[in-house]
Structure formats: C-alpha cells, structure tokens
Protein backbone atom coordinates (compact mmCIF):
# COMPACT_ATOMS: atom_id res chain seq x y z
CA MET A 1 -0.09 0.02 0.56
CA LEU A 2 1.37 3.36 -1.00
CA THR A 3 0.98 6.07 1.07
CA ARG A 4 1.19 10.10 1.00
CA VAL A 5 2.26 12.58 3.85
CA ASN A 6 0.10 14.96 4.92
CA GLN A 7 1.66 17.90 4.44
CA LYS A 8 0.24 19.83 7.35
CA ASN A 9 0.94 17.45 10.50
CA GLY A 10 3.24 14.58 8.72
CA ASP A 11 0.56 11.96 8.48
CA GLN A 12 1.36 8.92 6.48
CA LEU A 13 -2.04 8.11 4.95
CA SER A 14 -2.77 5.31 2.76
CA ILE A 15 -3.68 6.67 -1.01
CA LEU A 16 -6.71 4.04 -0.64
CA GLY A 17 -9.02 5.40 2.00
CA PHE A 18 -12.14 2.60 2.84
CA GLY A 19 -15.36 4.75 2.66
CA CYS A 20 -17.94 3.95 5.20
CA MET A 21 -21.34 4.52 3.14
CA ARG A 22 -21.45 1.64 0.95
CA PHE A 23 -20.66 -1.85 3.58
CA PRO A 24 -22.59 -4.76 2.07
CA VAL A 25 -25.93 -5.21 3.23
CA LYS A 26 -28.51 -8.25 4.49
CA GLY A 27 -31.40 -6.94 3.30
CA SER A 28 -31.81 -3.14 4.76
CA ASN A 29 -29.37 -3.72 6.80
CA ILE A 30 -25.54 -3.88 7.32
CA ASP A 31 -24.02 -7.56 6.97
CA VAL A 32 -22.27 -6.97 10.17
CA PRO A 33 -20.00 -9.90 9.69
CA ARG A 34 -18.68 -9.61 6.43
CA ALA A 35 -18.39 -5.90 6.65
CA ILE A 36 -16.14 -6.12 10.07
CA ALA A 37 -13.73 -8.47 8.30
CA MET A 38 -13.18 -6.25 5.34
CA ILE A 39 -12.51 -3.35 7.42
CA ARG A 40 -10.03 -4.86 9.51
CA ASP A 41 -8.73 -7.30 5.79
CA SER A 42 -7.86 -3.86 4.87
CA ILE A 43 -6.03 -2.46 8.12
CA GLU A 44 -3.68 -5.29 7.99
CA LYS A 45 -3.05 -4.62 4.28
CA GLY A 46 -2.12 -1.12 4.94
CA VAL A 47 -5.41 0.85 4.46
CA ASN A 48 -5.43 3.33 7.55
CA TYR A 49 -7.90 6.11 6.46
CA PHE A 50 -11.43 5.47 7.35
CA ASP A 51 -14.09 7.58 6.78
CA THR A 52 -17.87 7.43 7.77
CA ALA A 53 -20.69 10.10 8.73
CA TYR A 54 -23.22 10.73 11.14
CA PHE A 55 -26.05 9.38 8.08
CA TYR A 56 -24.40 6.67 6.50
CA HIS A 57 -26.36 3.50 6.62
CA ASN A 58 -29.12 5.47 8.22
CA GLY A 59 -27.12 6.16 11.21
CA LYS A 60 -25.25 2.93 11.46
CA SER A 61 -22.33 3.40 10.21
CA GLU A 62 -20.45 4.72 12.62
CA SER A 63 -21.21 2.13 15.09
CA LEU A 64 -20.21 -0.24 12.52
CA LEU A 65 -16.48 1.33 12.55
CA GLY A 66 -16.61 1.53 16.28
CA GLU A 67 -17.12 -2.03 16.45
CA ALA A 68 -14.82 -3.18 13.65
CA LEU A 69 -11.92 -0.69 15.13
CA SER A 70 -12.37 -2.45 18.87
CA GLY A 71 -9.53 -4.84 20.08
CA GLY A 72 -6.62 -2.65 18.92
CA TYR A 73 -7.32 -1.63 15.88
CA ARG A 74 -8.74 1.67 16.51
CA GLU A 75 -5.03 3.08 17.21
CA ARG A 76 -3.53 1.78 13.66
CA VAL A 77 -5.80 3.91 11.50
CA LYS A 78 -7.26 7.53 11.45
CA ILE A 79 -11.04 8.09 11.82
CA ALA A 80 -12.91 10.46 9.69
CA THR A 81 -16.42 11.42 10.62
CA LYS A 82 -18.49 14.66 10.12
CA LEU A 83 -21.30 17.36 11.37
CA PRO A 84 -24.37 18.24 9.19
CA PRO A 85 -24.17 21.78 9.04
CA PHE A 86 -28.38 21.49 8.05
CA LEU A 87 -29.06 19.75 11.61
CA VAL A 88 -27.23 22.48 13.71
CA LYS A 89 -29.57 25.22 14.34
CA LYS A 90 -27.62 26.16 17.42
CA LEU A 91 -24.39 25.51 18.80
CA GLU A 92 -26.00 23.20 21.27
CA ASN A 93 -27.48 20.62 18.66
CA GLY A 94 -23.61 20.20 17.43
CA LYS A 95 -22.24 18.95 20.65
CA LYS A 96 -24.87 16.54 20.86
CA ILE A 97 -24.19 15.01 17.86
CA PHE A 98 -20.53 14.81 18.44
CA ALA A 99 -21.06 13.50 21.74
CA THR A 100 -23.36 10.67 20.04
CA GLN A 101 -20.45 10.42 17.56
CA LEU A 102 -17.77 9.48 19.90
CA GLU A 103 -19.81 7.11 21.34
CA LYS A 104 -20.61 5.54 18.18
CA LEU A 105 -17.23 5.17 17.30
CA GLN A 106 -16.44 3.78 20.63
CA THR A 107 -13.29 6.70 20.72
CA ASN A 108 -12.41 9.58 22.77
CA TYR A 109 -11.03 11.21 19.76
CA ILE A 110 -11.45 12.26 16.15
CA ASP A 111 -8.67 12.33 13.67
CA TYR A 112 -10.65 14.33 10.45
CA TYR A 113 -13.60 15.64 11.79
CA LEU A 114 -15.40 17.67 8.92
CA LEU A 115 -18.52 20.11 8.17
CA HIS A 116 -20.14 17.73 6.41
CA MET A 117 -21.54 18.83 2.51
CA LEU A 118 -20.88 22.54 2.51
CA THR A 119 -22.70 23.42 -0.58
CA ASP A 120 -21.99 27.35 -0.92
CA LYS A 121 -20.53 29.83 1.24
CA PRO A 122 -23.57 31.49 3.62
CA MET A 123 -23.86 27.77 4.95
CA PHE A 124 -20.48 28.38 5.94
CA ASP A 125 -20.83 31.81 7.43
CA ARG A 126 -24.13 30.52 9.38
CA MET A 127 -21.28 27.76 11.07
CA VAL A 128 -18.87 30.62 12.03
CA ASN A 129 -21.78 32.77 13.22
CA LEU A 130 -23.12 30.13 15.24
CA GLY A 131 -19.94 29.73 17.32
CA VAL A 132 -19.28 25.83 16.06
CA MET A 133 -15.90 26.91 14.24
CA GLU A 134 -14.93 28.25 17.97
CA TRP A 135 -16.08 24.99 19.26
CA LEU A 136 -14.32 23.06 16.98
CA GLU A 137 -10.92 25.26 17.77
CA ASP A 138 -11.65 24.42 21.08
CA LEU A 139 -12.10 20.36 20.64
CA LYS A 140 -8.58 20.59 18.88
CA LYS A 141 -6.79 22.40 21.47
CA GLU A 142 -7.58 20.15 24.00
CA GLY A 143 -6.81 17.19 21.76
CA THR A 144 -10.63 15.82 20.99
CA ILE A 145 -10.52 16.56 17.26
CA LYS A 146 -6.78 16.35 15.83
CA ASN A 147 -8.11 18.47 12.21
CA ILE A 148 -10.58 20.23 11.31
CA GLY A 149 -11.96 20.32 7.64
CA PHE A 150 -15.19 20.11 5.26
CA SER A 151 -16.62 18.23 2.57
CA PHE A 152 -18.19 19.95 -0.73
CA HIS A 153 -21.02 19.98 -2.71
CA GLY A 154 -21.26 22.97 -4.77
CA SER A 155 -20.02 25.92 -7.20
CA LYS A 156 -16.02 26.61 -8.32
CA ALA A 157 -17.15 30.10 -6.98
CA ASP A 158 -18.28 28.45 -3.73
CA PHE A 159 -15.44 25.92 -3.13
CA GLU A 160 -12.99 28.66 -3.66
CA ALA A 161 -14.32 31.19 -0.89
CA ILE A 162 -15.03 28.49 1.65
CA VAL A 163 -11.03 26.89 1.34
CA GLN A 164 -10.05 30.21 1.20
CA ALA A 165 -11.59 31.68 4.45
CA TYR A 166 -10.53 29.77 7.11
CA PRO A 167 -6.89 27.77 8.00
CA TRP A 168 -8.39 24.58 7.55
CA ASP A 169 -6.93 21.48 8.18
CA PHE A 170 -8.13 19.36 5.21
CA CYS A 171 -11.16 19.56 2.57
CA GLN A 172 -12.47 16.54 0.86
CA ILE A 173 -13.85 17.05 -2.75
CA GLN A 174 -15.72 15.35 -5.48
CA TYR A 175 -13.58 14.39 -8.09
CA ASN A 176 -12.86 12.28 -10.78
CA TYR A 177 -11.88 12.15 -14.70
CA MET A 178 -15.91 13.79 -15.59
CA ASP A 179 -15.81 16.07 -12.99
CA GLU A 180 -12.42 17.80 -13.64
CA ASN A 181 -14.53 20.69 -14.43
CA ASN A 182 -17.47 19.94 -11.99
CA GLN A 183 -17.85 21.21 -8.35
CA ALA A 184 -14.21 22.32 -6.95
CA THR A 185 -12.55 21.40 -10.07
CA LYS A 186 -9.29 21.32 -11.07
CA SER A 187 -8.24 24.56 -10.19
CA GLY A 188 -9.75 24.28 -6.72
CA LEU A 189 -8.12 21.52 -6.00
CA GLN A 190 -4.50 23.25 -7.41
CA LEU A 191 -6.07 26.06 -5.13
CA ALA A 192 -6.23 24.07 -2.06
CA ALA A 193 -2.76 22.16 -2.48
CA SER A 194 -0.92 25.73 -3.15
CA LEU A 195 -2.39 26.81 0.40
CA GLY A 196 -0.96 23.93 1.94
CA ILE A 197 -4.39 22.43 2.62
CA PRO A 198 -4.45 18.34 1.99
CA VAL A 199 -6.83 17.16 -0.34
CA ILE A 200 -9.11 14.21 0.27
CA VAL A 201 -11.13 13.11 -3.21
CA MET A 202 -14.37 11.10 -2.76
CA GLU A 203 -16.58 9.54 -5.55
CA PRO A 204 -13.76 8.65 -7.92
CA LEU A 205 -15.73 5.96 -9.62
CA ARG A 206 -18.90 8.61 -9.64
CA GLY A 207 -20.69 6.11 -7.11
CA GLY A 208 -19.97 3.19 -9.52
CA ARG A 209 -21.36 4.36 -12.73
CA LEU A 210 -17.54 4.93 -13.82
CA VAL A 211 -17.89 1.58 -14.08
CA ASN A 212 -21.12 0.28 -14.50
CA SER A 213 -22.55 2.58 -16.64
CA LEU A 214 -20.18 3.69 -19.18
CA PRO A 215 -21.17 4.22 -22.90
CA GLU A 216 -19.53 1.60 -25.59
CA LYS A 217 -17.82 3.78 -26.95
CA VAL A 218 -15.74 4.45 -23.65
CA LEU A 219 -15.16 1.16 -23.04
CA LYS A 220 -14.00 0.56 -26.67
CA THR A 221 -11.80 3.05 -25.79
CA PHE A 222 -9.72 1.83 -22.48
CA LYS A 223 -9.64 -1.77 -24.11
CA SER A 224 -7.82 -0.21 -27.05
CA TYR A 225 -4.71 0.61 -24.99
CA ASP A 226 -5.15 -2.23 -22.40
CA LYS A 227 -7.89 -5.22 -22.68
CA GLU A 228 -7.13 -6.34 -18.91
CA ARG A 229 -7.18 -3.14 -17.11
CA SER A 230 -10.69 -2.34 -15.77
CA PRO A 231 -12.34 0.75 -16.27
CA ALA A 232 -12.12 1.10 -12.18
CA GLU A 233 -8.22 1.03 -12.47
CA TRP A 234 -7.93 3.54 -15.22
CA ALA A 235 -10.76 5.64 -13.27
CA LEU A 236 -8.84 5.39 -9.81
CA ARG A 237 -5.54 5.57 -11.19
CA TRP A 238 -6.31 8.80 -12.77
CA VAL A 239 -6.99 10.63 -9.40
CA TRP A 240 -3.87 9.34 -8.05
CA ASN A 241 -2.22 10.92 -10.68
CA HIS A 242 -2.59 13.90 -9.18
CA PRO A 243 -0.06 15.11 -6.80
CA GLU A 244 -2.20 17.21 -4.80
CA VAL A 245 -4.31 14.36 -4.20
CA ASN A 246 -3.31 12.90 -0.35
CA VAL A 247 -5.77 10.11 -0.06
CA VAL A 248 -8.31 8.70 -2.54
CA LEU A 249 -12.13 7.24 -0.71
CA SER A 250 -13.66 4.27 -1.72
CA GLY A 251 -16.83 2.71 -0.61
CA MET A 252 -15.76 -1.10 -0.84
CA SER A 253 -18.93 -3.37 -1.08
CA THR A 254 -17.27 -6.54 -1.69
CA GLU A 255 -14.19 -8.43 -0.63
CA GLU A 256 -13.44 -8.26 -4.24
CA GLN A 257 -13.31 -4.88 -4.56
CA VAL A 258 -11.06 -4.37 -1.40
CA GLU A 259 -8.69 -7.08 -2.76
CA ASP A 260 -8.41 -5.40 -6.30
CA ASN A 261 -8.36 -1.64 -4.92
CA ILE A 262 -5.35 -2.42 -2.54
CA ARG A 263 -3.54 -3.89 -5.74
CA ILE A 264 -4.05 -1.15 -7.67
CA ALA A 265 -3.23 1.22 -4.89
CA SER A 266 0.17 -0.56 -4.25
CA TYR A 267 1.82 0.67 -7.70
CA ALA A 268 -0.52 3.89 -8.76
CA LYS A 269 1.94 6.69 -8.25
CA ALA A 270 1.29 10.71 -9.15
CA ASP A 271 2.51 11.53 -12.31
CA SER A 272 2.99 7.90 -13.78
CA PHE A 273 0.73 8.46 -16.46
CA THR A 274 2.51 7.79 -19.40
CA GLU A 275 1.64 10.58 -22.50
CA GLU A 276 -0.41 7.51 -24.74
CA GLU A 277 -2.32 6.59 -21.17
CA LEU A 278 -2.84 10.46 -20.80
CA PHE A 279 -4.18 10.84 -24.95
CA VAL A 280 -6.29 7.54 -23.68
CA PHE A 281 -8.32 9.83 -21.33
CA ASP A 282 -8.43 12.78 -24.15
CA LYS A 283 -10.28 10.48 -26.31
CA VAL A 284 -12.31 9.08 -23.74
CA LYS A 285 -13.41 12.71 -23.30
CA SER A 286 -14.10 13.60 -26.35
CA VAL A 287 -16.69 10.85 -26.74
CA MET A 288 -18.34 12.07 -23.51
CA GLN A 289 -18.48 15.75 -25.13
CA GLU A 290 -19.94 13.97 -28.07
CA LEU A 291 -22.72 12.67 -26.10
CA THR A 292 -22.96 15.80 -23.51
CA LYS A 293 -26.36 17.66 -23.93
CA VAL A 294 -25.12 20.64 -22.42
CA PRO A 295 -21.35 21.62 -23.31
CA CYS A 296 -20.51 23.41 -20.11
CA THR A 297 -17.31 22.44 -18.87
CA GLY A 298 -17.67 23.96 -15.84
CA CYS A 299 -15.43 27.27 -16.20
CA GLY A 300 -17.58 29.24 -13.93
CA TYR A 301 -17.45 32.44 -16.09
CA CYS A 302 -20.99 32.90 -16.14
CA MET A 303 -20.92 32.98 -12.35
CA PRO A 304 -22.23 34.07 -9.82
CA CYS A 305 -26.35 34.19 -11.15
CA PRO A 306 -27.76 37.57 -10.23
CA ALA A 307 -30.79 35.14 -9.37
CA GLY A 308 -28.72 32.50 -7.02
CA VAL A 309 -28.60 29.57 -9.92
CA ASN A 310 -25.65 27.21 -9.44
CA ILE A 311 -25.55 27.10 -13.29
CA PRO A 312 -22.92 24.69 -13.91
CA GLY A 313 -24.22 22.50 -11.19
CA CYS A 314 -27.32 22.66 -12.89
CA PHE A 315 -25.76 21.23 -16.04
CA SER A 316 -23.62 19.01 -14.19
CA SER A 317 -26.47 16.78 -12.77
CA TYR A 318 -28.77 17.64 -16.44
CA ASN A 319 -25.66 15.49 -18.21
CA GLU A 320 -25.08 12.85 -15.50
CA LYS A 321 -28.69 12.12 -15.89
CA PHE A 322 -28.15 11.73 -19.97
CA LEU A 323 -24.81 10.38 -20.40
CA LEU A 324 -24.30 7.67 -17.43
CA GLY A 325 -28.47 6.94 -17.19
CA SER A 326 -28.17 8.16 -13.77
CA LYS A 327 -31.10 7.47 -11.68
CA LEU A 328 -29.74 9.52 -8.86
CA ALA A 329 -29.11 12.52 -10.87
CA TRP A 330 -32.59 14.09 -9.88
CA TRP A 331 -32.40 13.40 -6.09
CA LYS A 332 -28.41 14.72 -6.67
CA TYR A 333 -30.14 18.07 -8.62
CA MET A 334 -32.87 18.45 -5.14
CA GLN A 335 -30.15 17.71 -3.09
CA THR A 336 -27.47 19.97 -3.38
CA LEU A 337 -29.52 22.81 -5.40
CA GLY A 338 -32.52 22.85 -3.77
CA ALA A 339 -33.12 20.81 -0.42
CA MET A 340 -29.89 21.29 1.80
CA SER A 341 -28.24 24.27 0.46
CA GLU A 342 -28.67 27.75 2.25
CA LYS A 343 -30.33 29.44 -0.52
CA PRO A 344 -31.93 27.60 -3.90
CA ALA A 345 -29.48 27.35 -6.60
CA ASN A 346 -32.10 25.16 -9.03
CA ALA A 347 -32.94 26.32 -12.67
CA SER A 348 -36.20 27.38 -11.57
CA GLN A 349 -34.58 30.65 -9.74
CA CYS A 350 -33.60 31.94 -13.56
CA MET A 351 -35.10 35.38 -14.09
CA GLU A 352 -33.58 35.16 -17.79
CA CYS A 353 -31.96 38.04 -17.48
CA GLY A 354 -28.96 36.49 -19.78
CA LYS A 355 -25.94 38.16 -17.96
CA CYS A 356 -24.67 34.62 -17.76
CA GLU A 357 -24.42 34.46 -21.47
CA SER A 358 -22.58 37.21 -22.32
CA HIS A 359 -19.73 35.71 -20.37
CA CYS A 360 -19.97 32.20 -21.57
CA PRO A 361 -16.74 31.12 -23.65
CA GLN A 362 -18.65 28.06 -25.35
CA HIS A 363 -21.98 30.24 -26.33
CA ILE A 364 -24.08 28.12 -24.84
CA PRO A 365 -27.70 29.47 -24.71
CA ILE A 366 -28.09 29.33 -21.01
CA ARG A 367 -31.63 30.38 -20.42
CA LYS A 368 -33.25 28.13 -22.88
CA GLU A 369 -30.78 25.05 -21.88
CA LEU A 370 -32.02 25.93 -17.71
CA LYS A 371 -35.94 25.79 -19.31
CA ALA A 372 -34.47 22.43 -20.38
CA VAL A 373 -33.15 21.78 -17.02
CA ARG A 374 -36.22 22.79 -15.12
CA LYS A 375 -38.78 20.69 -17.50
CA GLU A 376 -36.40 17.39 -17.17
CA MET A 377 -35.29 17.63 -13.72
CA GLU A 378 -38.39 19.72 -12.02
CA GLY A 379 -41.58 18.08 -12.47
CA ILE A 380 -44.57 18.15 -10.76
CA PHE A 381 -43.20 16.98 -7.23
CA TYR A 382 -40.28 18.71 -7.09
CA LYS A 383 -41.03 22.01 -5.26
CA PRO A 384 -43.23 20.11 -3.05
CA ILE A 385 -40.35 17.53 -1.83
CA VAL A 386 -37.84 20.35 -1.57
CA GLY A 387 -40.39 22.32 1.02
CA ILE A 388 -40.98 19.44 2.87
CA GLY A 389 -37.36 18.68 2.93
CA ARG A 390 -35.98 22.57 3.85
CA LYS A 391 -38.96 22.89 6.47
CA ILE A 392 -37.70 18.89 8.32
CA LEU A 393 -34.38 20.47 8.29
CA LYS A 394 -35.42 23.90 9.03
CA ILE A 395 -33.69 25.84 6.26
CA LYS A 396 -35.49 28.99 5.44
C-alpha cells in the first residue's frame, strides 16, 4: 500500500481510504460480520484512513466502524467523520451530535472531523456565526479533534470562497475524470494544494457509474490501449496521478473490491501516466463530450448568477442523467441545489436576465438550456419535496 504525507501534520496516510457508506448489506441492514472482516482485512493490508458520517447506512455506519476497530485496531488508523450543518440550528445541537459520534465510534478523539457537505459560502458563514468553528477549535486544542475540515458539493466559486475563508487542516472534494470541470474542479484542487491544504477525494468512480454505466464507445477506447485494465482501475489511477491528492476514498461493498483496490493502490504513483495513457483519457473525454446534452465545461465564467442559480451545477446533474443513465441525478440535483443549500440554486430561480450568456466562452444559450433542465429535473413533485425537506431541516 502506497502512502502520501499529510503536508500539514506529517501523517502517513494510505492513498486508498475506506469509505464507510457502502458496506455489504443483508436485506436493509449492514451485513455486520462481512463488513467487520473487510475493514480488518484492509487494515492488515495497509489501509489506515476510514471515512464515515452521522447519516451513513441510516445512522449505523459509525457504530459498525467503532465495533470493527475495537480490539486494538483503533490505534492503527485515522477516523474521519462529519458534522451535518443542516442539523445544527444552535451550537448545542452540534455538541450533542458530536458526543453521540464519539460513543458510536467507541473512541475519545476524532482524527479528521469535517463539516459535512457544504454547498455554498452562506452555509459556512452560518457555522461561524453559531460559534461552531470556535467550538471545534477548542476541541482541537484539547486533542478531542486532531484536524478540522469540510466536504464540499457546490460551485467552483463557492469552493474557492470557503477554502480561503478559514485555515483548514484538510478538505474533501468530489473529483474524477468526469468532474475535472465540475464542483471544486481541477483549479480548486490546485488552489487547495497551493494553500498547503491536504485534499481527500470522494466519488472517484461516481458511485460506480464510471464502472457500470459507461457508454460502449468509452469502454472500447479504454480496451484499445489495455484489454485487461478495468474501468475502475483507469478511473482510480487517473485521480492518483494527481500529486495534489492525498487520499482517494472508495466505498467498497465486496471483498473483491477491497482486494482489487488495494492491488491498484500498491503501485499507483503520482505523475506516473505515460503520454499514451493520458491521450486515452483525451479520447474518452472527447467521446463524453459528443454524448453530452449541454457542452458546459464548468469554467464558472457565467457566475455569480444574480438570481442565485448554480448554472454549472444544474448542467452537471442534467448531463449526468443522460450521459450515464444515472437514476440518482435527480436526487443529487434536488439535494445540492434545493433541499440542503442555504439558498435555492436550481434552474427555476433563473430570471432570464441573460447576463450569464455574455460571459460564456462556449456560447451556450444558457437561458434556453436552463428551461430544459427545469423541465427535465423539476417535475410536479419537485417543489413540494424540496419544500418539505427544507421545512424538516429548518432551512429558510
């Protein structure tokens, strides 16, 4: 297992991190014996970074991980878990959640603690105003938290604002060869690295869609170079090829996935791709662009939108639905642009002012395309569901 050094604290982190949101299941519950065996086996083979969260597996992921790490395993690994900002209406809420997490994880400290799924700068500002960051700093001083970070799902502009607004110990972004120009983007990755902030990457396989839902033409492009290398190996190595990345998380559901990912992580060094391999990805991206509904590169020149629309985010979810046949694209759209963002950023917010179009280097008729997004992604149930979600989460 290869490791990379956390440039802020010197931790030697396995380049493969175990994402604890896709454990094997039996019916609707975690298959506990299998999951524990997989976790312990991965530790024996060098994995030392485990990422969980308050909500994963209906709130059972942290407890499972805590059980798996009992008996001497806890001291051999780094635990990352997360505080959900949308549940923190006052500081006391956060303190109760954190106490519960320590109990579930059977530990008295958290190595890497994140604000979970920040989608925009106002969400972070609210945490500051509630005193959450000051509280986390106190926990860090006493050693209960070792590192303070955040995970992100939003626009490039919001990522840049958040990552520069606080002296973060680390950050976590969605990054893969499909998302090089989406969300935090490659420039966001490079910005974080330039600030000395370690980067943890999630969704390197887009929840498996870069393995199971690729167009046939893409599969043929990969096989034309190497018939034996799997789409998963191509995708993981693409992320690890970036020297700015410290750890790549993989939500592993089977023993075979653990074995294969550890094999790949034993030799996937940064800057190790040949020119021929990089050219394969150029061809893959070209195929993807041919099949993409809206030719948005995620450059962000259209932003900020006066009406608050996350234009690149809208197009990203819309394209994903058609390109990868993703049934989760609608959920992602509703979650990150409507239900959980501090301010709605979905296509319906568009006032058709046209300001964005004058800045678009791709000359996309943005107003027209946002109407298409709204029609496809915001059916009759969209607003009621988002409204209920925001009411339950008490987001105004």
